[in-house]
Amino acid sequence: MPYIKREDRLKFEKSLEALPLIKNEGELNYLFTKICIAYINQHGLSYANINDVMGALSGCDKEFYRRVAVNYENSKIAENGDVY
């Protein structure tokens, strides 16, 4: 899960603020890929580290769905009616 201590978040804030406008899904994917490669470069290429990256991406996917997509889908159900 993305919930790290507040003081641990500070080291990432300047980098996040410095990101240019992400124009499309290709650029977003590029950034995710570069972060994953940086993790592997820092920690070494191993099954465990590959698993760390894949697990983080999977957890991020699920948490984003839970926190963002579900709310969006529920608002569309309320707006347009349910199909079930």
C-alpha atoms as a PDB file:
ATOM      1  CA  MET A   1       0.000   0.000   0.000  1.00  0.00           C
ATOM      2  CA  PRO A   2       1.184   3.543  -0.623  1.00  0.00           C
ATOM      3  CA  TYR A   3       0.826   4.621   2.981  1.00  0.00           C
ATOM      4  CA  ILE A   4       4.309   5.434   4.232  1.00  0.00           C
ATOM      5  CA  LYS A   5       5.091   7.683   7.187  1.00  0.00           C
ATOM      6  CA  ARG A   6       4.633  11.396   6.551  1.00  0.00           C
ATOM      7  CA  GLU A   7       8.290  12.141   7.235  1.00  0.00           C
ATOM      8  CA  ASP A   8       9.314   9.491   4.690  1.00  0.00           C
ATOM      9  CA  ARG A   9       7.161  11.163   2.031  1.00  0.00           C
ATOM     10  CA  LEU A  10       9.168  14.396   2.200  1.00  0.00           C
ATOM     11  CA  LYS A  11      12.101  13.022   0.199  1.00  0.00           C
ATOM     12  CA  PHE A  12       9.782  12.545  -2.797  1.00  0.00           C
ATOM     13  CA  GLU A  13       7.889  15.849  -2.711  1.00  0.00           C
ATOM     14  CA  LYS A  14      10.400  17.999  -4.627  1.00  0.00           C
ATOM     15  CA  SER A  15      10.723  15.390  -7.368  1.00  0.00           C
ATOM     16  CA  LEU A  16       6.959  15.123  -7.708  1.00  0.00           C
ATOM     17  CA  GLU A  17       6.553  18.903  -7.839  1.00  0.00           C
ATOM     18  CA  ALA A  18       9.229  19.101 -10.541  1.00  0.00           C
ATOM     19  CA  LEU A  19       7.443  16.659 -12.855  1.00  0.00           C
ATOM     20  CA  PRO A  20       6.382  18.337 -16.071  1.00  0.00           C
ATOM     21  CA  LEU A  21       2.816  18.009 -17.263  1.00  0.00           C
ATOM     22  CA  ILE A  22       2.210  14.364 -18.143  1.00  0.00           C
ATOM     23  CA  LYS A  23       0.441  14.631 -21.495  1.00  0.00           C
ATOM     24  CA  ASN A  24      -0.783  11.100 -22.124  1.00  0.00           C
ATOM     25  CA  GLU A  25      -0.814   7.465 -21.049  1.00  0.00           C
ATOM     26  CA  GLY A  26       2.437   6.776 -22.925  1.00  0.00           C
ATOM     27  CA  GLU A  27       4.291   9.349 -20.865  1.00  0.00           C
ATOM     28  CA  LEU A  28       2.679   8.037 -17.680  1.00  0.00           C
ATOM     29  CA  ASN A  29       3.760   4.486 -18.571  1.00  0.00           C
ATOM     30  CA  TYR A  30       7.279   5.772 -19.346  1.00  0.00           C
ATOM     31  CA  LEU A  31       7.550   7.342 -15.885  1.00  0.00           C
ATOM     32  CA  PHE A  32       6.320   4.187 -14.166  1.00  0.00           C
ATOM     33  CA  THR A  33       8.826   2.133 -16.159  1.00  0.00           C
ATOM     34  CA  LYS A  34      11.744   4.439 -15.315  1.00  0.00           C
ATOM     35  CA  ILE A  35      10.871   4.261 -11.610  1.00  0.00           C
ATOM     36  CA  CYS A  36      10.756   0.460 -11.763  1.00  0.00           C
ATOM     37  CA  ILE A  37      14.109   0.345 -13.576  1.00  0.00           C
ATOM     38  CA  ALA A  38      15.613   2.715 -10.998  1.00  0.00           C
ATOM     39  CA  TYR A  39      14.470   0.395  -8.197  1.00  0.00           C
ATOM     40  CA  ILE A  40      16.079  -2.608  -9.900  1.00  0.00           C
ATOM     41  CA  ASN A  41      19.267  -0.639 -10.572  1.00  0.00           C
ATOM     42  CA  GLN A  42      19.460   0.404  -6.905  1.00  0.00           C
ATOM     43  CA  HIS A  43      18.659  -3.006  -5.417  1.00  0.00           C
ATOM     44  CA  GLY A  44      19.965  -5.411  -8.058  1.00  0.00           C
ATOM     45  CA  LEU A  45      18.371  -7.748 -10.539  1.00  0.00           C
ATOM     46  CA  SER A  46      16.950 -10.714  -8.652  1.00  0.00           C
ATOM     47  CA  TYR A  47      13.724 -12.659  -8.440  1.00  0.00           C
ATOM     48  CA  ALA A  48      12.912 -10.977  -5.123  1.00  0.00           C
ATOM     49  CA  ASN A  49      13.414  -7.466  -6.500  1.00  0.00           C
ATOM     50  CA  ILE A  50      11.460  -8.218  -9.666  1.00  0.00           C
ATOM     51  CA  ASN A  51       8.713  -9.540  -7.391  1.00  0.00           C
ATOM     52  CA  ASP A  52       8.920  -6.347  -5.294  1.00  0.00           C
ATOM     53  CA  VAL A  53       8.334  -4.204  -8.381  1.00  0.00           C
ATOM     54  CA  MET A  54       5.519  -6.374  -9.718  1.00  0.00           C
ATOM     55  CA  GLY A  55       3.889  -6.484  -6.286  1.00  0.00           C
ATOM     56  CA  ALA A  56       4.087  -2.712  -5.898  1.00  0.00           C
ATOM     57  CA  LEU A  57       2.554  -2.191  -9.345  1.00  0.00           C
ATOM     58  CA  SER A  58      -0.189  -4.698  -8.600  1.00  0.00           C
ATOM     59  CA  GLY A  59      -0.929  -3.117  -5.230  1.00  0.00           C
ATOM     60  CA  CYS A  60      -0.953   0.337  -6.797  1.00  0.00           C
ATOM     61  CA  ASP A  61      -3.405  -0.886  -9.428  1.00  0.00           C
ATOM     62  CA  LYS A  62      -5.757  -2.337  -6.835  1.00  0.00           C
ATOM     63  CA  GLU A  63      -5.549   0.669  -4.529  1.00  0.00           C
ATOM     64  CA  PHE A  64      -6.160   3.092  -7.404  1.00  0.00           C
ATOM     65  CA  TYR A  65      -9.181   1.042  -8.450  1.00  0.00           C
ATOM     66  CA  ARG A  66     -10.503   0.971  -4.876  1.00  0.00           C
ATOM     67  CA  ARG A  67      -9.947   4.669  -4.186  1.00  0.00           C
ATOM     68  CA  VAL A  68     -10.615   6.275  -7.593  1.00  0.00           C
ATOM     69  CA  ALA A  69     -12.274   3.971 -10.121  1.00  0.00           C
ATOM     70  CA  VAL A  70     -14.955   2.615  -7.781  1.00  0.00           C
ATOM     71  CA  ASN A  71     -16.068   6.131  -6.842  1.00  0.00           C
ATOM     72  CA  TYR A  72     -16.176   7.114 -10.512  1.00  0.00           C
ATOM     73  CA  GLU A  73     -18.166   4.007 -11.452  1.00  0.00           C
ATOM     74  CA  ASN A  74     -20.598   4.587  -8.584  1.00  0.00           C
ATOM     75  CA  SER A  75     -21.167   8.174  -9.717  1.00  0.00           C
ATOM     76  CA  LYS A  76     -21.937   6.921 -13.237  1.00  0.00           C
ATOM     77  CA  ILE A  77     -24.373   4.332 -11.855  1.00  0.00           C
ATOM     78  CA  ALA A  78     -26.126   7.112  -9.939  1.00  0.00           C
ATOM     79  CA  GLU A  79     -26.139   9.331 -13.044  1.00  0.00           C
ATOM     80  CA  ASN A  80     -27.193   6.759 -15.636  1.00  0.00           C
ATOM     81  CA  GLY A  81     -28.765   3.911 -13.686  1.00  0.00           C
ATOM     82  CA  ASP A  82     -27.499   0.444 -12.909  1.00  0.00           C
ATOM     83  CA  VAL A  83     -27.493  -2.382 -15.437  1.00  0.00           C
ATOM     84  CA  TYR A  84     -27.754  -5.203 -12.886  1.00  0.00           C
END
